[in-house]
Amino acid sequence: MPEHIELMKKMFEHSIYWAKDIVNHFYLKGPQYWPVRVAVNYFMNYVEKRVRALYDRLDQIAAEIKNRKLVSKVEAPKLMELYTSSSEEEE
């Protein structure tokens, strides 16, 4: 299951990279689209910042999964307990 976390992080990085590339180089060309391009880039940067802020917590969850040896779907409630306890500790 920690591999899934790493895979999701890589997929996110890939998606953000190509979304920015497509918007800035192939889509919304021309000066009339400048406001839309700025808004789309602002949104993508906002999402990227919010997701990257979760990376440390995701790494902690992955490490805890390895430590507790949670390997099956049957143990998914244990993962939910871990997630809710880590979010409650931050508050």
Protein backbone atom coordinates (compact mmCIF):
# COMPACT_ATOMS: atom_id res chain seq x y z
CA MET A 1 0.00 0.00 0.00
CA PRO A 2 2.84 2.51 0.49
CA GLU A 3 3.63 1.91 -3.17
CA HIS A 4 0.18 3.27 -4.00
CA ILE A 5 0.95 6.48 -2.15
CA GLU A 6 4.18 6.91 -4.10
CA LEU A 7 2.37 6.13 -7.34
CA MET A 8 -0.31 8.73 -6.63
CA LYS A 9 2.37 11.33 -5.88
CA LYS A 10 4.12 10.57 -9.18
CA MET A 11 0.82 10.72 -11.07
CA PHE A 12 0.07 14.09 -9.50
CA GLU A 13 3.51 15.45 -10.48
CA HIS A 14 3.03 14.17 -14.03
CA SER A 15 -0.45 15.68 -14.31
CA ILE A 16 0.59 19.10 -12.99
CA TYR A 17 3.64 19.21 -15.26
CA TRP A 18 1.68 18.41 -18.40
CA ALA A 19 -1.30 20.58 -17.47
CA LYS A 20 0.99 23.59 -17.10
CA ASP A 21 2.82 22.74 -20.31
CA ILE A 22 -0.39 22.34 -22.31
CA VAL A 23 -1.99 25.51 -20.96
CA ASN A 24 1.11 27.65 -21.47
CA HIS A 25 2.28 26.32 -24.83
CA PHE A 26 -0.59 24.81 -26.75
CA TYR A 27 -3.86 26.00 -25.31
CA LEU A 28 -5.20 29.51 -24.80
CA LYS A 29 -2.75 31.16 -27.16
CA GLY A 30 -3.04 34.82 -27.89
CA PRO A 31 -3.31 37.98 -25.85
CA GLN A 32 -7.09 37.80 -25.60
CA TYR A 33 -6.77 34.63 -23.51
CA TRP A 34 -4.29 36.14 -21.05
CA PRO A 35 -6.82 36.54 -18.19
CA VAL A 36 -8.03 32.95 -18.58
CA ARG A 37 -4.47 31.62 -18.75
CA VAL A 38 -3.57 33.55 -15.57
CA ALA A 39 -6.65 32.17 -13.78
CA VAL A 40 -5.92 28.59 -14.84
CA ASN A 41 -2.26 28.88 -13.81
CA TYR A 42 -3.30 30.38 -10.47
CA PHE A 43 -5.66 27.47 -9.86
CA MET A 44 -3.02 24.88 -10.80
CA ASN A 45 -0.45 26.54 -8.53
CA TYR A 46 -2.99 26.61 -5.69
CA VAL A 47 -3.75 22.91 -6.09
CA GLU A 48 -0.07 22.05 -6.38
CA LYS A 49 0.74 23.97 -3.18
CA ARG A 50 -2.09 22.31 -1.25
CA VAL A 51 -1.17 18.78 -2.38
CA ARG A 52 2.55 19.26 -1.73
CA ALA A 53 1.67 20.39 1.79
CA LEU A 54 0.26 16.87 2.34
CA TYR A 55 3.43 15.06 1.20
CA ASP A 56 4.96 14.85 4.69
CA ARG A 57 1.77 13.44 6.17
CA LEU A 58 1.49 10.94 3.32
CA ASP A 59 5.07 9.82 3.94
CA GLN A 60 4.28 9.39 7.65
CA ILE A 61 1.21 7.31 6.80
CA ALA A 62 3.26 5.17 4.39
CA ALA A 63 5.89 4.59 7.07
CA GLU A 64 3.23 3.68 9.61
CA ILE A 65 1.67 1.23 7.17
CA LYS A 66 5.06 -0.46 6.79
CA ASN A 67 5.61 -0.48 10.57
CA ARG A 68 2.20 -1.98 11.31
CA LYS A 69 2.47 -4.29 8.30
CA LEU A 70 -0.96 -3.38 6.95
CA VAL A 71 -1.06 -5.31 3.72
CA SER A 72 -4.62 -6.29 3.01
CA LYS A 73 -7.90 -4.57 2.24
CA VAL A 74 -9.35 -6.20 5.35
CA GLU A 75 -7.10 -3.97 7.43
CA ALA A 76 -8.29 -0.78 5.75
CA PRO A 77 -10.17 0.33 8.89
CA LYS A 78 -6.81 0.40 10.69
CA LEU A 79 -5.57 2.79 8.02
CA MET A 80 -8.60 5.01 8.55
CA GLU A 81 -7.90 5.02 12.29
CA LEU A 82 -4.34 6.05 11.55
CA TYR A 83 -5.45 8.84 9.23
CA THR A 84 -8.04 10.22 11.62
CA SER A 85 -5.69 10.03 14.60
CA SER A 86 -2.94 11.90 12.69
CA SER A 87 -5.36 14.65 11.65
CA GLU A 88 -6.68 14.98 15.22
CA GLU A 89 -3.14 15.32 16.58
CA GLU A 90 -2.50 18.30 14.31
CA GLU A 91 -5.47 20.19 15.75
